[in-house]
Amino acid sequence: MMQMTVAEFQKKIEETYYARDSARGLARTFQWFVEEVGELARGLRDGDQERLRGEFADVLAWLATLASLAGVDLESAALSKYGAGCPKCGGAPCSCKERAGRRS
């Protein structure tokens, strides 16, 4: 199985789709992303593992596209916020008291 970093994945998605996604614009691309999240939600409800794999991949690809359109290095952003564990308590696992299902 091929492995790549988040940065390499984001670059591959840019090479494949950036021109089309850029022409569509950030707002309409975000709408596509939300649609994919909805498909993931249905997949989670149904529990079909093969479908879930595809839906998780789609959501990650659309997230990478949005990050590129917004000028955000997704790997750097994730590492700077979550690289040491929970951004609030610094723990891994997090020891924060849960607030209404939210992270930070």
N, C-alpha and C. Protein backbone atom coordinates (compact mmCIF):
# COMPACT_ATOMS: atom_id res chain seq x y z
N MET A 1 0.84 -1.18 0.00
CA MET A 1 0.00 0.00 0.00
C MET A 1 0.89 1.25 0.00
N MET A 2 0.56 2.20 -0.84
CA MET A 2 1.31 3.44 -0.94
C MET A 2 1.07 4.30 0.30
N GLN A 3 2.12 4.93 0.80
CA GLN A 3 1.97 5.84 1.93
C GLN A 3 2.47 7.22 1.52
N MET A 4 1.85 8.24 2.08
CA MET A 4 2.30 9.61 1.84
C MET A 4 1.92 10.46 3.03
N THR A 5 2.62 11.56 3.16
CA THR A 5 2.31 12.50 4.23
C THR A 5 1.06 13.28 3.86
N VAL A 6 0.53 14.00 4.83
CA VAL A 6 -0.62 14.88 4.56
C VAL A 6 -0.22 15.93 3.53
N ALA A 7 0.99 16.47 3.66
CA ALA A 7 1.46 17.49 2.70
C ALA A 7 1.55 16.91 1.29
N GLU A 8 2.05 15.69 1.16
CA GLU A 8 2.13 15.05 -0.15
C GLU A 8 0.73 14.80 -0.72
N PHE A 9 -0.19 14.39 0.14
CA PHE A 9 -1.57 14.17 -0.30
C PHE A 9 -2.19 15.48 -0.78
N GLN A 10 -2.00 16.55 -0.01
CA GLN A 10 -2.55 17.84 -0.41
C GLN A 10 -1.98 18.27 -1.75
N LYS A 11 -0.70 18.05 -1.96
CA LYS A 11 -0.05 18.42 -3.22
C LYS A 11 -0.64 17.59 -4.37
N LYS A 12 -0.85 16.29 -4.15
CA LYS A 12 -1.42 15.43 -5.18
C LYS A 12 -2.83 15.88 -5.55
N ILE A 13 -3.63 16.24 -4.55
CA ILE A 13 -4.98 16.74 -4.82
C ILE A 13 -4.92 18.05 -5.58
N GLU A 14 -3.97 18.93 -5.23
CA GLU A 14 -3.78 20.18 -5.98
C GLU A 14 -3.45 19.89 -7.44
N GLU A 15 -2.49 18.99 -7.66
CA GLU A 15 -2.09 18.65 -9.03
C GLU A 15 -3.27 18.11 -9.84
N THR A 16 -4.13 17.38 -9.18
CA THR A 16 -5.24 16.72 -9.87
C THR A 16 -6.44 17.63 -10.08
N TYR A 17 -6.77 18.46 -9.10
CA TYR A 17 -8.05 19.18 -9.12
C TYR A 17 -7.99 20.70 -8.95
N TYR A 18 -6.81 21.28 -8.68
CA TYR A 18 -6.77 22.70 -8.29
C TYR A 18 -7.39 23.62 -9.34
N ALA A 19 -7.09 23.39 -10.61
CA ALA A 19 -7.62 24.31 -11.65
C ALA A 19 -9.15 24.31 -11.63
N ARG A 20 -9.75 23.14 -11.57
CA ARG A 20 -11.21 23.03 -11.57
C ARG A 20 -11.79 23.62 -10.29
N ASP A 21 -11.18 23.28 -9.14
CA ASP A 21 -11.71 23.75 -7.86
C ASP A 21 -11.53 25.25 -7.71
N SER A 22 -10.43 25.77 -8.20
CA SER A 22 -10.18 27.20 -8.13
C SER A 22 -11.20 27.96 -8.97
N ALA A 23 -11.50 27.43 -10.15
CA ALA A 23 -12.50 28.08 -11.01
C ALA A 23 -13.88 28.05 -10.35
N ARG A 24 -14.19 26.99 -9.61
CA ARG A 24 -15.47 26.87 -8.92
C ARG A 24 -15.55 27.87 -7.78
N GLY A 25 -14.42 28.12 -7.12
CA GLY A 25 -14.38 29.06 -6.02
C GLY A 25 -14.52 28.39 -4.67
N LEU A 26 -14.11 29.11 -3.65
CA LEU A 26 -14.09 28.57 -2.30
C LEU A 26 -15.49 28.24 -1.78
N ALA A 27 -16.45 29.14 -1.97
CA ALA A 27 -17.79 28.93 -1.43
C ALA A 27 -18.46 27.70 -2.04
N ARG A 28 -18.41 27.57 -3.37
CA ARG A 28 -19.05 26.41 -4.01
C ARG A 28 -18.30 25.13 -3.72
N THR A 29 -16.97 25.21 -3.59
CA THR A 29 -16.19 24.03 -3.23
C THR A 29 -16.53 23.59 -1.82
N PHE A 30 -16.75 24.54 -0.92
CA PHE A 30 -17.16 24.21 0.44
C PHE A 30 -18.50 23.47 0.42
N GLN A 31 -19.40 23.88 -0.45
CA GLN A 31 -20.69 23.19 -0.57
C GLN A 31 -20.50 21.73 -0.97
N TRP A 32 -19.57 21.46 -1.89
CA TRP A 32 -19.27 20.09 -2.28
C TRP A 32 -18.73 19.32 -1.08
N PHE A 33 -17.85 19.96 -0.30
CA PHE A 33 -17.29 19.34 0.89
C PHE A 33 -18.40 18.93 1.87
N VAL A 34 -19.32 19.84 2.10
CA VAL A 34 -20.43 19.57 3.03
C VAL A 34 -21.27 18.41 2.52
N GLU A 35 -21.50 18.35 1.22
CA GLU A 35 -22.23 17.23 0.64
C GLU A 35 -21.51 15.92 0.91
N GLU A 36 -20.18 15.93 0.77
CA GLU A 36 -19.40 14.72 1.04
C GLU A 36 -19.47 14.33 2.53
N VAL A 37 -19.48 15.32 3.42
CA VAL A 37 -19.63 15.02 4.84
C VAL A 37 -20.99 14.36 5.09
N GLY A 38 -22.02 14.82 4.40
CA GLY A 38 -23.34 14.19 4.51
C GLY A 38 -23.30 12.75 4.05
N GLU A 39 -22.59 12.47 2.96
CA GLU A 39 -22.46 11.09 2.48
C GLU A 39 -21.70 10.25 3.50
N LEU A 40 -20.70 10.83 4.15
CA LEU A 40 -19.98 10.12 5.21
C LEU A 40 -20.92 9.81 6.37
N ALA A 41 -21.76 10.77 6.73
CA ALA A 41 -22.71 10.55 7.82
C ALA A 41 -23.64 9.37 7.50
N ARG A 42 -24.12 9.32 6.27
CA ARG A 42 -24.98 8.20 5.88
C ARG A 42 -24.21 6.88 5.91
N GLY A 43 -22.95 6.92 5.49
CA GLY A 43 -22.12 5.72 5.54
C GLY A 43 -21.87 5.25 6.96
N LEU A 44 -21.66 6.18 7.87
CA LEU A 44 -21.48 5.81 9.28
C LEU A 44 -22.74 5.17 9.84
N ARG A 45 -23.87 5.71 9.44
CA ARG A 45 -25.15 5.15 9.89
C ARG A 45 -25.34 3.73 9.36
N ASP A 46 -25.00 3.52 8.09
CA ASP A 46 -25.21 2.22 7.45
C ASP A 46 -24.16 1.19 7.86
N GLY A 47 -22.95 1.64 8.17
CA GLY A 47 -21.91 0.75 8.66
C GLY A 47 -21.20 -0.09 7.62
N ASP A 48 -21.37 0.18 6.35
CA ASP A 48 -20.69 -0.56 5.29
C ASP A 48 -19.22 -0.10 5.23
N GLN A 49 -18.29 -0.97 5.63
CA GLN A 49 -16.88 -0.59 5.76
C GLN A 49 -16.27 -0.13 4.43
N GLU A 50 -16.59 -0.79 3.34
CA GLU A 50 -16.02 -0.40 2.05
C GLU A 50 -16.53 0.99 1.65
N ARG A 51 -17.80 1.23 1.86
CA ARG A 51 -18.37 2.56 1.56
C ARG A 51 -17.72 3.61 2.46
N LEU A 52 -17.54 3.28 3.74
CA LEU A 52 -16.90 4.22 4.67
C LEU A 52 -15.50 4.60 4.22
N ARG A 53 -14.73 3.63 3.76
CA ARG A 53 -13.37 3.93 3.28
C ARG A 53 -13.42 4.98 2.16
N GLY A 54 -14.33 4.79 1.23
CA GLY A 54 -14.45 5.75 0.13
C GLY A 54 -14.92 7.11 0.59
N GLU A 55 -15.88 7.14 1.51
CA GLU A 55 -16.40 8.42 1.98
C GLU A 55 -15.36 9.18 2.81
N PHE A 56 -14.61 8.47 3.66
CA PHE A 56 -13.53 9.14 4.40
C PHE A 56 -12.50 9.71 3.42
N ALA A 57 -12.17 8.95 2.39
CA ALA A 57 -11.21 9.44 1.39
C ALA A 57 -11.73 10.69 0.69
N ASP A 58 -13.02 10.67 0.33
CA ASP A 58 -13.61 11.83 -0.34
C ASP A 58 -13.57 13.06 0.55
N VAL A 59 -13.94 12.90 1.82
CA VAL A 59 -13.96 14.03 2.75
C VAL A 59 -12.54 14.59 2.92
N LEU A 60 -11.56 13.70 3.05
CA LEU A 60 -10.18 14.16 3.19
C LEU A 60 -9.71 14.90 1.94
N ALA A 61 -10.07 14.40 0.77
CA ALA A 61 -9.67 15.06 -0.48
C ALA A 61 -10.30 16.45 -0.60
N TRP A 62 -11.59 16.55 -0.28
CA TRP A 62 -12.25 17.86 -0.35
C TRP A 62 -11.70 18.81 0.71
N LEU A 63 -11.35 18.31 1.88
CA LEU A 63 -10.75 19.14 2.92
C LEU A 63 -9.39 19.66 2.44
N ALA A 64 -8.61 18.80 1.81
CA ALA A 64 -7.31 19.22 1.27
C ALA A 64 -7.50 20.30 0.20
N THR A 65 -8.51 20.13 -0.64
CA THR A 65 -8.80 21.14 -1.66
C THR A 65 -9.16 22.48 -1.03
N LEU A 66 -10.02 22.45 -0.03
CA LEU A 66 -10.40 23.69 0.65
C LEU A 66 -9.18 24.37 1.27
N ALA A 67 -8.32 23.58 1.92
CA ALA A 67 -7.11 24.14 2.52
C ALA A 67 -6.25 24.81 1.45
N SER A 68 -6.08 24.15 0.32
CA SER A 68 -5.28 24.73 -0.77
C SER A 68 -5.88 26.02 -1.28
N LEU A 69 -7.19 26.03 -1.51
CA LEU A 69 -7.85 27.23 -2.00
C LEU A 69 -7.74 28.38 -1.00
N ALA A 70 -7.70 28.05 0.30
CA ALA A 70 -7.60 29.07 1.34
C ALA A 70 -6.14 29.42 1.66
N GLY A 71 -5.19 28.77 0.99
CA GLY A 71 -3.78 29.05 1.23
C GLY A 71 -3.24 28.48 2.53
N VAL A 72 -3.81 27.36 2.99
CA VAL A 72 -3.42 26.75 4.25
C VAL A 72 -2.69 25.44 3.99
N ASP A 73 -1.52 25.29 4.58
CA ASP A 73 -0.80 24.02 4.56
C ASP A 73 -1.45 23.14 5.62
N LEU A 74 -2.22 22.16 5.20
CA LEU A 74 -3.03 21.36 6.11
C LEU A 74 -2.17 20.60 7.12
N GLU A 75 -1.08 20.03 6.68
CA GLU A 75 -0.21 19.29 7.60
C GLU A 75 0.39 20.19 8.66
N SER A 76 0.89 21.34 8.25
CA SER A 76 1.48 22.29 9.18
C SER A 76 0.45 22.80 10.18
N ALA A 77 -0.75 23.10 9.68
CA ALA A 77 -1.82 23.59 10.56
C ALA A 77 -2.19 22.54 11.60
N ALA A 78 -2.34 21.29 11.15
CA ALA A 78 -2.72 20.21 12.07
C ALA A 78 -1.63 19.96 13.10
N LEU A 79 -0.39 19.93 12.66
CA LEU A 79 0.71 19.68 13.59
C LEU A 79 0.88 20.82 14.59
N SER A 80 0.72 22.05 14.12
CA SER A 80 0.91 23.17 15.04
C SER A 80 -0.18 23.21 16.10
N LYS A 81 -1.38 22.73 15.77
CA LYS A 81 -2.46 22.77 16.75
C LYS A 81 -2.54 21.49 17.57
N TYR A 82 -2.36 20.32 16.95
CA TYR A 82 -2.59 19.04 17.63
C TYR A 82 -1.34 18.17 17.77
N GLY A 83 -0.20 18.64 17.30
CA GLY A 83 1.02 17.84 17.30
C GLY A 83 1.48 17.39 18.68
N ALA A 84 1.22 18.17 19.69
CA ALA A 84 1.64 17.82 21.06
C ALA A 84 0.51 17.20 21.87
N GLY A 85 -0.63 16.96 21.24
CA GLY A 85 -1.80 16.44 21.94
C GLY A 85 -2.90 17.48 21.98
N CYS A 86 -3.69 17.46 23.02
CA CYS A 86 -4.79 18.40 23.16
C CYS A 86 -4.24 19.83 23.23
N PRO A 87 -4.75 20.74 22.40
CA PRO A 87 -4.25 22.11 22.45
C PRO A 87 -4.57 22.86 23.74
N LYS A 88 -5.54 22.38 24.51
CA LYS A 88 -5.89 23.05 25.77
C LYS A 88 -5.09 22.51 26.94
N CYS A 89 -5.13 21.19 27.15
CA CYS A 89 -4.46 20.63 28.33
C CYS A 89 -3.09 20.05 28.01
N GLY A 90 -2.78 19.86 26.73
CA GLY A 90 -1.50 19.29 26.32
C GLY A 90 -1.44 17.79 26.48
N GLY A 91 -2.52 17.19 26.92
CA GLY A 91 -2.53 15.75 27.17
C GLY A 91 -2.81 14.91 25.96
N ALA A 92 -2.31 13.68 26.01
CA ALA A 92 -2.64 12.67 25.01
C ALA A 92 -2.68 11.34 25.75
N PRO A 93 -3.84 10.91 26.20
CA PRO A 93 -5.16 11.43 25.84
C PRO A 93 -5.51 12.72 26.57
N CYS A 94 -6.47 13.41 25.99
CA CYS A 94 -6.96 14.66 26.56
C CYS A 94 -7.58 14.42 27.93
N SER A 95 -7.28 15.32 28.85
CA SER A 95 -7.88 15.22 30.18
C SER A 95 -8.82 16.39 30.47
N CYS A 96 -9.16 17.15 29.44
CA CYS A 96 -10.12 18.26 29.60
C CYS A 96 -11.50 17.71 29.91
N LYS A 97 -12.24 18.50 30.65
CA LYS A 97 -13.64 18.17 30.88
C LYS A 97 -14.39 18.47 29.58
N GLU A 98 -15.17 17.51 29.07
CA GLU A 98 -15.86 17.67 27.80
C GLU A 98 -16.93 18.75 27.91
N ARG A 99 -16.97 19.64 26.88
CA ARG A 99 -17.99 20.69 26.81
C ARG A 99 -18.84 20.47 25.57
N ALA A 100 -20.02 19.97 25.78
CA ALA A 100 -21.02 19.83 24.72
C ALA A 100 -20.45 19.19 23.46
N GLY A 101 -19.61 18.17 23.59
CA GLY A 101 -19.11 17.43 22.44
C GLY A 101 -18.09 18.15 21.59
N ARG A 102 -17.57 19.28 22.01
CA ARG A 102 -16.63 20.06 21.21
C ARG A 102 -15.20 19.79 21.64
N ARG A 103 -14.30 19.96 20.70
CA ARG A 103 -12.88 19.90 21.03
C ARG A 103 -12.47 21.27 21.48
N SER A 104 -11.78 22.01 20.67
CA SER A 104 -11.37 23.36 21.10
C SER A 104 -11.74 24.41 20.10
